[in-house]
C-alpha atoms as a PDB file:
ATOM      1  CA  MET A   1      13.163  28.110 -65.123  1.00  0.00           C
ATOM      2  CA  ILE A   2      11.245  25.065 -63.901  1.00  0.00           C
ATOM      3  CA  VAL A   3      13.024  21.845 -62.930  1.00  0.00           C
ATOM      4  CA  THR A   4      11.360  18.573 -61.953  1.00  0.00           C
ATOM      5  CA  VAL A   5      13.217  16.517 -59.348  1.00  0.00           C
ATOM      6  CA  LEU A   6      12.465  12.818 -58.904  1.00  0.00           C
ATOM      7  CA  GLY A   7      13.261  11.285 -55.531  1.00  0.00           C
ATOM      8  CA  ALA A   8      12.997  14.773 -54.031  1.00  0.00           C
ATOM      9  CA  THR A   9      12.908  13.494 -50.445  1.00  0.00           C
ATOM     10  CA  GLY A  10      15.937  11.242 -50.863  1.00  0.00           C
ATOM     11  CA  LYS A  11      19.659  11.662 -50.232  1.00  0.00           C
ATOM     12  CA  THR A  12      20.578  13.186 -53.594  1.00  0.00           C
ATOM     13  CA  GLY A  13      17.216  14.465 -54.822  1.00  0.00           C
ATOM     14  CA  GLY A  14      16.537  16.302 -51.571  1.00  0.00           C
ATOM     15  CA  THR A  15      19.798  18.206 -51.839  1.00  0.00           C
ATOM     16  CA  ALA A  16      19.185  18.937 -55.522  1.00  0.00           C
ATOM     17  CA  ALA A  17      15.686  20.274 -54.834  1.00  0.00           C
ATOM     18  CA  GLU A  18      16.813  22.534 -51.990  1.00  0.00           C
ATOM     19  CA  ARG A  19      19.790  23.892 -53.922  1.00  0.00           C
ATOM     20  CA  LEU A  20      17.592  24.674 -56.919  1.00  0.00           C
ATOM     21  CA  LEU A  21      15.076  26.435 -54.689  1.00  0.00           C
ATOM     22  CA  SER A  22      17.802  28.478 -53.002  1.00  0.00           C
ATOM     23  CA  ALA A  23      18.940  29.646 -56.440  1.00  0.00           C
ATOM     24  CA  GLY A  24      15.452  30.896 -57.260  1.00  0.00           C
ATOM     25  CA  THR A  25      14.549  28.058 -59.599  1.00  0.00           C
ATOM     26  CA  GLN A  26      10.976  26.786 -59.593  1.00  0.00           C
ATOM     27  CA  VAL A  27      10.914  23.155 -58.513  1.00  0.00           C
ATOM     28  CA  LYS A  28       8.424  20.365 -59.031  1.00  0.00           C
ATOM     29  CA  ALA A  29       9.362  17.903 -56.307  1.00  0.00           C
ATOM     30  CA  VAL A  30       8.273  14.311 -56.956  1.00  0.00           C
ATOM     31  CA  ALA A  31       8.295  11.518 -54.377  1.00  0.00           C
ATOM     32  CA  ARG A  32       5.987   8.810 -53.109  1.00  0.00           C
ATOM     33  CA  SER A  33       5.294  10.258 -49.683  1.00  0.00           C
ATOM     34  CA  ALA A  34       3.127  13.376 -49.524  1.00  0.00           C
ATOM     35  CA  ASP A  35       4.059  13.766 -45.862  1.00  0.00           C
ATOM     36  CA  LYS A  36       7.779  13.879 -46.601  1.00  0.00           C
ATOM     37  CA  LEU A  37       7.192  16.356 -49.424  1.00  0.00           C
ATOM     38  CA  ALA A  38       5.557  18.820 -47.042  1.00  0.00           C
ATOM     39  CA  ALA A  39       8.887  20.333 -45.985  1.00  0.00           C
ATOM     40  CA  LEU A  40       9.750  21.171 -49.598  1.00  0.00           C
ATOM     41  CA  ALA A  41       6.284  22.619 -50.136  1.00  0.00           C
ATOM     42  CA  LYS A  42       6.921  25.020 -47.250  1.00  0.00           C
ATOM     43  CA  LYS A  43      10.082  26.158 -49.041  1.00  0.00           C
ATOM     44  CA  GLY A  44       8.147  26.948 -52.204  1.00  0.00           C
ATOM     45  CA  ALA A  45       8.281  23.759 -54.241  1.00  0.00           C
ATOM     46  CA  GLN A  46       5.323  22.422 -56.161  1.00  0.00           C
ATOM     47  CA  THR A  47       4.953  18.863 -54.893  1.00  0.00           C
ATOM     48  CA  VAL A  48       3.755  15.766 -56.702  1.00  0.00           C
ATOM     49  CA  SER A  49       3.084  12.533 -54.851  1.00  0.00           C
ATOM     50  CA  ALA A  50       3.720   9.772 -57.391  1.00  0.00           C
ATOM     51  CA  ASP A  51       5.405   6.426 -57.789  1.00  0.00           C
ATOM     52  CA  VAL A  52       8.342   6.309 -60.169  1.00  0.00           C
ATOM     53  CA  THR A  53       6.637   3.523 -62.128  1.00  0.00           C
ATOM     54  CA  ASP A  54       3.582   5.701 -62.857  1.00  0.00           C
ATOM     55  CA  ALA A  55       4.305   6.968 -66.377  1.00  0.00           C
ATOM     56  CA  ALA A  56       1.185   9.145 -66.572  1.00  0.00           C
ATOM     57  CA  ALA A  57       1.960  10.935 -63.293  1.00  0.00           C
ATOM     58  CA  LEU A  58       5.614  11.423 -64.276  1.00  0.00           C
ATOM     59  CA  THR A  59       4.577  12.788 -67.673  1.00  0.00           C
ATOM     60  CA  ALA A  60       2.337  15.343 -66.000  1.00  0.00           C
ATOM     61  CA  ALA A  61       5.152  16.336 -63.627  1.00  0.00           C
ATOM     62  CA  LEU A  62       7.710  16.717 -66.423  1.00  0.00           C
ATOM     63  CA  ARG A  63       5.454  18.572 -68.836  1.00  0.00           C
ATOM     64  CA  GLY A  64       6.350  22.253 -68.997  1.00  0.00           C
ATOM     65  CA  SER A  65       9.690  21.777 -67.222  1.00  0.00           C
ATOM     66  CA  ASP A  66      12.969  23.091 -68.580  1.00  0.00           C
ATOM     67  CA  GLY A  67      14.950  20.269 -67.040  1.00  0.00           C
ATOM     68  CA  ALA A  68      14.728  17.257 -64.764  1.00  0.00           C
ATOM     69  CA  TYR A  69      16.723  15.248 -62.278  1.00  0.00           C
ATOM     70  CA  LEU A  70      15.972  11.598 -62.926  1.00  0.00           C
ATOM     71  CA  MET A  71      16.737   8.784 -60.521  1.00  0.00           C
ATOM     72  CA  ILE A  72      15.421   5.315 -59.709  1.00  0.00           C
ATOM     73  CA  PRO A  73      14.640   4.480 -56.084  1.00  0.00           C
ATOM     74  CA  SER A  74      14.634   0.818 -55.137  1.00  0.00           C
ATOM     75  CA  ASP A  75      13.358  -1.411 -52.373  1.00  0.00           C
ATOM     76  CA  TYR A  76      15.835  -4.162 -51.478  1.00  0.00           C
ATOM     77  CA  THR A  77      13.231  -5.966 -49.368  1.00  0.00           C
ATOM     78  CA  LYS A  78      10.995  -6.691 -52.371  1.00  0.00           C
ATOM     79  CA  PRO A  79      11.507  -9.369 -55.035  1.00  0.00           C
ATOM     80  CA  ASP A  80      12.957  -8.796 -58.496  1.00  0.00           C
ATOM     81  CA  LEU A  81      15.279  -5.849 -57.919  1.00  0.00           C
ATOM     82  CA  LEU A  82      16.322  -5.585 -61.571  1.00  0.00           C
ATOM     83  CA  GLY A  83      12.651  -5.774 -62.486  1.00  0.00           C
ATOM     84  CA  GLN A  84      12.042  -2.767 -60.237  1.00  0.00           C
ATOM     85  CA  TYR A  85      14.705  -0.868 -62.158  1.00  0.00           C
ATOM     86  CA  ALA A  86      13.255  -1.968 -65.499  1.00  0.00           C
ATOM     87  CA  ARG A  87       9.718  -0.882 -64.655  1.00  0.00           C
ATOM     88  CA  ALA A  88      10.901   2.490 -63.395  1.00  0.00           C
ATOM     89  CA  THR A  89      13.130   2.968 -66.434  1.00  0.00           C
ATOM     90  CA  ASP A  90      10.216   2.245 -68.756  1.00  0.00           C
ATOM     91  CA  ALA A  91       7.944   4.734 -66.982  1.00  0.00           C
ATOM     92  CA  ILE A  92      10.618   7.454 -66.863  1.00  0.00           C
ATOM     93  CA  ALA A  93      11.555   7.009 -70.532  1.00  0.00           C
ATOM     94  CA  ARG A  94       7.913   7.125 -71.619  1.00  0.00           C
ATOM     95  CA  ALA A  95       7.356  10.246 -69.509  1.00  0.00           C
ATOM     96  CA  VAL A  96      10.417  11.962 -70.996  1.00  0.00           C
ATOM     97  CA  GLN A  97       9.212  11.214 -74.506  1.00  0.00           C
ATOM     98  CA  ASP A  98       5.556  12.097 -73.922  1.00  0.00           C
ATOM     99  CA  SER A  99       6.289  15.303 -71.992  1.00  0.00           C
ATOM    100  CA  GLY A 100       8.673  16.628 -74.619  1.00  0.00           C
ATOM    101  CA  ILE A 101      11.315  17.587 -72.050  1.00  0.00           C
ATOM    102  CA  ARG A 102      14.692  18.242 -73.655  1.00  0.00           C
ATOM    103  CA  ARG A 103      17.216  18.356 -70.803  1.00  0.00           C
ATOM    104  CA  ALA A 104      17.826  15.910 -67.955  1.00  0.00           C
ATOM    105  CA  VAL A 105      20.417  14.691 -65.479  1.00  0.00           C
ATOM    106  CA  LEU A 106      20.312  10.954 -64.699  1.00  0.00           C
ATOM    107  CA  LEU A 107      21.727   9.407 -61.538  1.00  0.00           C
ATOM    108  CA  SER A 108      23.609   6.252 -62.473  1.00  0.00           C
ATOM    109  CA  SER A 109      26.722   4.734 -60.864  1.00  0.00           C
ATOM    110  CA  PHE A 110      30.357   3.902 -61.391  1.00  0.00           C
ATOM    111  CA  GLY A 111      30.168   0.735 -63.474  1.00  0.00           C
ATOM    112  CA  GLY A 112      27.155   1.993 -65.419  1.00  0.00           C
ATOM    113  CA  GLU A 113      28.912   1.165 -68.677  1.00  0.00           C
ATOM    114  CA  ALA A 114      28.761  -2.600 -67.987  1.00  0.00           C
ATOM    115  CA  ALA A 115      25.831  -4.670 -69.230  1.00  0.00           C
ATOM    116  CA  ALA A 116      26.448  -7.578 -66.847  1.00  0.00           C
ATOM    117  CA  GLY A 117      28.353  -8.671 -63.770  1.00  0.00           C
ATOM    118  CA  THR A 118      27.849  -5.628 -61.540  1.00  0.00           C
ATOM    119  CA  GLY A 119      24.735  -6.567 -59.551  1.00  0.00           C
ATOM    120  CA  PRO A 120      22.099  -3.816 -59.252  1.00  0.00           C
ATOM    121  CA  ILE A 121      24.251  -1.444 -61.324  1.00  0.00           C
ATOM    122  CA  VAL A 122      23.146  -3.468 -64.350  1.00  0.00           C
ATOM    123  CA  GLY A 123      19.715  -1.899 -63.929  1.00  0.00           C
ATOM    124  CA  LEU A 124      21.256   1.559 -64.160  1.00  0.00           C
ATOM    125  CA  HIS A 125      23.162   0.554 -67.288  1.00  0.00           C
ATOM    126  CA  ALA A 126      19.823  -0.298 -68.892  1.00  0.00           C
ATOM    127  CA  ALA A 127      18.407   3.069 -67.824  1.00  0.00           C
ATOM    128  CA  GLU A 128      21.382   4.875 -69.354  1.00  0.00           C
ATOM    129  CA  GLN A 129      20.921   3.082 -72.656  1.00  0.00           C
ATOM    130  CA  ARG A 130      17.176   3.637 -72.785  1.00  0.00           C
ATOM    131  CA  LEU A 131      17.412   7.375 -72.134  1.00  0.00           C
ATOM    132  CA  ARG A 132      20.383   7.916 -74.435  1.00  0.00           C
ATOM    133  CA  ALA A 133      18.267   6.533 -77.261  1.00  0.00           C
ATOM    134  CA  ILE A 134      15.606   9.254 -76.929  1.00  0.00           C
ATOM    135  CA  ALA A 135      15.945  11.646 -79.869  1.00  0.00           C
ATOM    136  CA  GLY A 136      16.401  15.283 -78.937  1.00  0.00           C
ATOM    137  CA  LEU A 137      17.145  14.678 -75.248  1.00  0.00           C
ATOM    138  CA  ASN A 138      20.226  16.411 -73.871  1.00  0.00           C
ATOM    139  CA  LEU A 139      21.303  14.005 -71.147  1.00  0.00           C
ATOM    140  CA  LEU A 140      23.996  14.262 -68.498  1.00  0.00           C
ATOM    141  CA  ILE A 141      24.671  10.906 -66.851  1.00  0.00           C
ATOM    142  CA  LEU A 142      26.193  11.112 -63.372  1.00  0.00           C
ATOM    143  CA  ARG A 143      28.198   8.070 -62.322  1.00  0.00           C
ATOM    144  CA  PRO A 144      29.118   8.532 -58.655  1.00  0.00           C
ATOM    145  CA  GLY A 145      31.161   6.159 -56.570  1.00  0.00           C
ATOM    146  CA  TYR A 146      30.234   4.317 -53.378  1.00  0.00           C
ATOM    147  CA  PHE A 147      28.094   6.521 -51.142  1.00  0.00           C
ATOM    148  CA  TYR A 148      29.587   7.340 -47.753  1.00  0.00           C
ATOM    149  CA  GLU A 149      26.084   6.789 -46.393  1.00  0.00           C
ATOM    150  CA  ASN A 150      26.187   3.091 -47.329  1.00  0.00           C
ATOM    151  CA  ASN A 151      28.175   2.681 -44.117  1.00  0.00           C
ATOM    152  CA  PHE A 152      25.006   3.267 -42.106  1.00  0.00           C
ATOM    153  CA  GLY A 153      24.109  -0.284 -43.152  1.00  0.00           C
ATOM    154  CA  THR A 154      26.701  -1.703 -40.758  1.00  0.00           C
ATOM    155  CA  LEU A 155      25.969   0.600 -37.814  1.00  0.00           C
ATOM    156  CA  GLY A 156      24.193  -2.171 -35.922  1.00  0.00           C
ATOM    157  CA  LEU A 157      27.026  -4.596 -36.598  1.00  0.00           C
ATOM    158  CA  ILE A 158      29.556  -2.100 -35.258  1.00  0.00           C
ATOM    159  CA  LYS A 159      27.402  -1.212 -32.247  1.00  0.00           C
ATOM    160  CA  HIS A 160      26.565  -4.742 -31.141  1.00  0.00           C
ATOM    161  CA  GLN A 161      29.441  -6.903 -32.375  1.00  0.00           C
ATOM    162  CA  GLY A 162      32.336  -4.468 -32.354  1.00  0.00           C
ATOM    163  CA  ILE A 163      33.338  -5.085 -35.970  1.00  0.00           C
ATOM    164  CA  ASN A 164      32.705  -3.619 -39.386  1.00  0.00           C
ATOM    165  CA  GLY A 165      32.363  -6.041 -42.256  1.00  0.00           C
ATOM    166  CA  GLY A 166      31.269  -6.769 -45.789  1.00  0.00           C
ATOM    167  CA  ALA A 167      32.104  -8.583 -49.022  1.00  0.00           C
ATOM    168  CA  ILE A 168      34.450  -5.995 -50.513  1.00  0.00           C
ATOM    169  CA  ASP A 169      38.091  -6.980 -50.014  1.00  0.00           C
ATOM    170  CA  PRO A 170      39.690  -4.846 -47.269  1.00  0.00           C
ATOM    171  CA  ASP A 171      42.507  -3.344 -49.336  1.00  0.00           C
ATOM    172  CA  VAL A 172      40.605  -2.519 -52.553  1.00  0.00           C
ATOM    173  CA  ALA A 173      40.530   1.255 -53.098  1.00  0.00           C
ATOM    174  CA  ILE A 174      37.122   2.329 -54.407  1.00  0.00           C
ATOM    175  CA  PRO A 175      35.708   5.705 -55.455  1.00  0.00           C
ATOM    176  CA  THR A 176      33.602   7.132 -52.631  1.00  0.00           C
ATOM    177  CA  ILE A 177      31.416  10.221 -52.306  1.00  0.00           C
ATOM    178  CA  ALA A 178      28.963  12.071 -50.065  1.00  0.00           C
ATOM    179  CA  ALA A 179      25.406  11.756 -51.396  1.00  0.00           C
ATOM    180  CA  ALA A 180      24.742  15.463 -50.869  1.00  0.00           C
ATOM    181  CA  ASP A 181      27.625  16.351 -53.194  1.00  0.00           C
ATOM    182  CA  ILE A 182      25.854  14.467 -55.988  1.00  0.00           C
ATOM    183  CA  GLY A 183      22.727  16.539 -55.466  1.00  0.00           C
ATOM    184  CA  VAL A 184      24.786  19.733 -55.638  1.00  0.00           C
ATOM    185  CA  VAL A 185      26.389  18.683 -58.934  1.00  0.00           C
ATOM    186  CA  ALA A 186      23.006  17.731 -60.392  1.00  0.00           C
ATOM    187  CA  ALA A 187      21.350  21.008 -59.361  1.00  0.00           C
ATOM    188  CA  ASP A 188      24.187  23.141 -60.691  1.00  0.00           C
ATOM    189  CA  ALA A 189      24.194  21.254 -63.999  1.00  0.00           C
ATOM    190  CA  LEU A 190      20.479  21.972 -64.413  1.00  0.00           C
ATOM    191  CA  ASN A 191      20.691  25.602 -63.239  1.00  0.00           C
ATOM    192  CA  ARG A 192      23.594  26.359 -65.578  1.00  0.00           C
ATOM    193  CA  PRO A 193      23.324  23.755 -68.322  1.00  0.00           C
ATOM    194  CA  THR A 194      26.376  23.374 -70.520  1.00  0.00           C
ATOM    195  CA  PHE A 195      25.874  19.792 -71.698  1.00  0.00           C
ATOM    196  CA  ALA A 196      24.420  18.794 -75.054  1.00  0.00           C
ATOM    197  CA  GLY A 197      23.676  15.441 -76.593  1.00  0.00           C
ATOM    198  CA  SER A 198      24.720  12.645 -74.251  1.00  0.00           C
ATOM    199  CA  ALA A 199      27.500  13.229 -71.704  1.00  0.00           C
ATOM    200  CA  ILE A 200      28.915  11.200 -68.813  1.00  0.00           C
ATOM    201  CA  ARG A 201      30.418  12.660 -65.654  1.00  0.00           C
ATOM    202  CA  GLU A 202      32.119  10.432 -63.090  1.00  0.00           C
ATOM    203  CA  LEU A 203      31.908  11.733 -59.539  1.00  0.00           C
ATOM    204  CA  ARG A 204      34.159  10.814 -56.641  1.00  0.00           C
ATOM    205  CA  GLY A 205      35.122  12.429 -53.374  1.00  0.00           C
ATOM    206  CA  PRO A 206      38.520  13.880 -52.478  1.00  0.00           C
ATOM    207  CA  ARG A 207      40.190  10.465 -52.427  1.00  0.00           C
ATOM    208  CA  ASP A 208      39.423   6.831 -53.091  1.00  0.00           C
ATOM    209  CA  LEU A 209      39.176   4.728 -49.944  1.00  0.00           C
ATOM    210  CA  THR A 210      39.532   1.112 -48.921  1.00  0.00           C
ATOM    211  CA  MET A 211      37.152  -0.521 -46.470  1.00  0.00           C
ATOM    212  CA  ILE A 212      40.004  -0.412 -43.958  1.00  0.00           C
ATOM    213  CA  ASP A 213      40.337   3.360 -44.507  1.00  0.00           C
ATOM    214  CA  MET A 214      36.621   3.897 -43.919  1.00  0.00           C
ATOM    215  CA  THR A 215      36.525   1.575 -40.921  1.00  0.00           C
ATOM    216  CA  ARG A 216      39.492   3.322 -39.341  1.00  0.00           C
ATOM    217  CA  ALA A 217      37.809   6.729 -39.740  1.00  0.00           C
ATOM    218  CA  LEU A 218      34.531   5.432 -38.332  1.00  0.00           C
ATOM    219  CA  GLY A 219      36.317   3.826 -35.409  1.00  0.00           C
ATOM    220  CA  LYS A 220      38.153   7.030 -34.599  1.00  0.00           C
ATOM    221  CA  ALA A 221      34.901   9.015 -34.712  1.00  0.00           C
ATOM    222  CA  ILE A 222      33.089   6.675 -32.307  1.00  0.00           C
ATOM    223  CA  GLY A 223      36.010   6.338 -29.920  1.00  0.00           C
ATOM    224  CA  LYS A 224      37.024   2.823 -31.038  1.00  0.00           C
ATOM    225  CA  PRO A 225      40.216   3.425 -33.049  1.00  0.00           C
ATOM    226  CA  GLU A 226      41.000  -0.307 -33.208  1.00  0.00           C
ATOM    227  CA  LEU A 227      37.659  -1.164 -34.873  1.00  0.00           C
ATOM    228  CA  PRO A 228      38.431  -4.015 -37.318  1.00  0.00           C
ATOM    229  CA  TYR A 229      37.072  -4.638 -40.791  1.00  0.00           C
ATOM    230  CA  VAL A 230      36.170  -8.268 -41.465  1.00  0.00           C
ATOM    231  CA  ARG A 231      35.874  -9.645 -44.991  1.00  0.00           C
ATOM    232  CA  PHE A 232      32.906 -11.997 -44.658  1.00  0.00           C
ATOM    233  CA  PRO A 233      32.655 -15.236 -46.636  1.00  0.00           C
ATOM    234  CA  ASP A 234      30.427 -14.724 -49.667  1.00  0.00           C
ATOM    235  CA  GLN A 235      27.586 -16.908 -48.396  1.00  0.00           C
ATOM    236  CA  GLY A 236      27.856 -15.411 -44.928  1.00  0.00           C
ATOM    237  CA  TYR A 237      27.503 -11.942 -46.452  1.00  0.00           C
ATOM    238  CA  VAL A 238      24.396 -13.004 -48.401  1.00  0.00           C
ATOM    239  CA  ASP A 239      22.887 -14.638 -45.335  1.00  0.00           C
ATOM    240  CA  GLY A 240      23.564 -11.498 -43.294  1.00  0.00           C
ATOM    241  CA  LEU A 241      21.755  -9.316 -45.816  1.00  0.00           C
ATOM    242  CA  LYS A 242      18.810 -11.706 -45.869  1.00  0.00           C
ATOM    243  CA  SER A 243      18.588 -11.660 -42.087  1.00  0.00           C
ATOM    244  CA  ALA A 244      18.562  -7.850 -42.294  1.00  0.00           C
ATOM    245  CA  GLY A 245      15.482  -7.993 -44.515  1.00  0.00           C
ATOM    246  CA  PHE A 246      16.945  -8.100 -48.011  1.00  0.00           C
ATOM    247  CA  ASP A 247      15.133 -10.140 -50.620  1.00  0.00           C
ATOM    248  CA  PRO A 248      17.324 -13.160 -51.507  1.00  0.00           C
ATOM    249  CA  ASP A 249      17.757 -11.998 -55.107  1.00  0.00           C
ATOM    250  CA  ALA A 250      18.770  -8.506 -53.966  1.00  0.00           C
ATOM    251  CA  ALA A 251      21.292 -10.032 -51.546  1.00  0.00           C
ATOM    252  CA  ARG A 252      22.803 -12.065 -54.388  1.00  0.00           C
ATOM    253  CA  LEU A 253      23.043  -8.955 -56.575  1.00  0.00           C
ATOM    254  CA  PHE A 254      24.784  -7.021 -53.811  1.00  0.00           C
ATOM    255  CA  LEU A 255      27.357  -9.798 -53.527  1.00  0.00           C
ATOM    256  CA  GLU A 256      27.887  -9.603 -57.294  1.00  0.00           C
ATOM    257  CA  MET A 257      28.420  -5.846 -57.012  1.00  0.00           C
ATOM    258  CA  ALA A 258      31.015  -6.347 -54.251  1.00  0.00           C
ATOM    259  CA  GLN A 259      32.783  -8.921 -56.382  1.00  0.00           C
ATOM    260  CA  ALA A 260      32.826  -6.447 -59.264  1.00  0.00           C
ATOM    261  CA  PHE A 261      34.733  -3.987 -57.063  1.00  0.00           C
ATOM    262  CA  ASN A 262      37.088  -6.764 -55.972  1.00  0.00           C
ATOM    263  CA  LYS A 263      37.795  -7.736 -59.589  1.00  0.00           C
ATOM    264  CA  ALA A 264      38.220  -4.109 -60.733  1.00  0.00           C
ATOM    265  CA  LEU A 265      35.241  -4.410 -63.063  1.00  0.00           C
ATOM    266  CA  VAL A 266      34.044  -1.045 -61.741  1.00  0.00           C
ATOM    267  CA  GLY A 267      36.336   1.850 -62.527  1.00  0.00           C
ATOM    268  CA  PRO A 268      36.899   5.075 -64.472  1.00  0.00           C
ATOM    269  CA  GLN A 269      36.074   5.145 -68.169  1.00  0.00           C
ATOM    270  CA  PRO A 270      38.040   7.034 -70.843  1.00  0.00           C
ATOM    271  CA  ASP A 271      34.946   8.630 -72.396  1.00  0.00           C
ATOM    272  CA  ALA A 272      33.738  10.223 -69.155  1.00  0.00           C
ATOM    273  CA  GLU A 273      34.430  13.637 -67.669  1.00  0.00           C
ATOM    274  CA  LYS A 274      36.058  13.355 -64.236  1.00  0.00           C
ATOM    275  CA  LEU A 275      35.009  15.457 -61.251  1.00  0.00           C
ATOM    276  CA  ARG A 276      36.180  15.208 -57.655  1.00  0.00           C
ATOM    277  CA  THR A 277      33.903  16.682 -55.012  1.00  0.00           C
ATOM    278  CA  THR A 278      35.147  18.254 -51.796  1.00  0.00           C
ATOM    279  CA  THR A 279      33.421  16.664 -48.792  1.00  0.00           C
ATOM    280  CA  PRO A 280      35.911  14.428 -46.951  1.00  0.00           C
ATOM    281  CA  PHE A 281      34.891  11.104 -45.449  1.00  0.00           C
ATOM    282  CA  GLU A 282      35.659  12.442 -41.974  1.00  0.00           C
ATOM    283  CA  VAL A 283      32.639  14.773 -42.193  1.00  0.00           C
ATOM    284  CA  PHE A 284      30.430  11.742 -42.725  1.00  0.00           C
ATOM    285  CA  ALA A 285      32.224   9.872 -39.947  1.00  0.00           C
ATOM    286  CA  ASP A 286      31.179  12.597 -37.502  1.00  0.00           C
ATOM    287  CA  ALA A 287      27.536  12.221 -38.581  1.00  0.00           C
ATOM    288  CA  PHE A 288      27.893   8.450 -38.274  1.00  0.00           C
ATOM    289  CA  ALA A 289      29.187   8.878 -34.727  1.00  0.00           C
ATOM    290  CA  GLN A 290      26.120  10.889 -33.767  1.00  0.00           C
ATOM    291  CA  ALA A 291      23.845   8.160 -35.127  1.00  0.00           C
ATOM    292  CA  TYR A 292      25.965   5.512 -33.382  1.00  0.00           C
ATOM    293  CA  ARG A 293      25.606   7.219 -30.018  1.00  0.00           C
ATOM    294  CA  ALA A 294      21.846   7.629 -30.510  1.00  0.00           C
ATOM    295  CA  ALA A 295      21.266   4.009 -31.550  1.00  0.00           C
ATOM    296  CA  PRO A 296      19.920   1.575 -28.943  1.00  0.00           C
END
């Protein structure tokens, strides 16, 4: 069996590629950086250095594969975030059609069913719709919750100002998950495919968490059990993202996504299979603490 993995050096794709390799599956690992792909090449993967918007390169990578893990990387520092998603979606869909591949797993997100009002998740909704329309493609759509690893984005804030903060209301429970668990689910679904047609699987960790829950666990791990979570004013949140290097449009979309969580616009859907993964947030909190101690 041959499986092509997009984003093979990323949080979910990297785990998927390594799990497939460990199971004896041949892997075509696709990512932009040839240097970062070198580690997978040493483990036996065939590597392809290509941009996700390059339809010809993706077609060549997918051709001859029995399955594929499809995902859309993004750059929040560049303009037109939804345009980035649209261009990648177009290239991936064309490559799927032109290569003749018949089985794929797509990384989407909780909220992927909504056509508007969910910030960058709207781009994943469009990807879902485009790929579901391809005749003959057996597609499993993964809709995971909020990545534990998103908390690395406030490491500097915690380190230098002694607070955690964001635009999600402090007491809103949201689905959360370790990125590596998504890669495991994707790899296993491709190694032992049981899905046909178009299927949706919602992924969440052992329990849903509020921002207060996550902040408390992070604080305990770094030795600051009283670490507070501050709900920033909307404009203050946008300005903070912009000062951190976000494109203004991307910052606005991230605020919209936070508001979607606050308004319960993002949640489980009746037509989706439900799966809870096993990695607890505390495991991530320990990794966060190591990064916290190493940070200047």
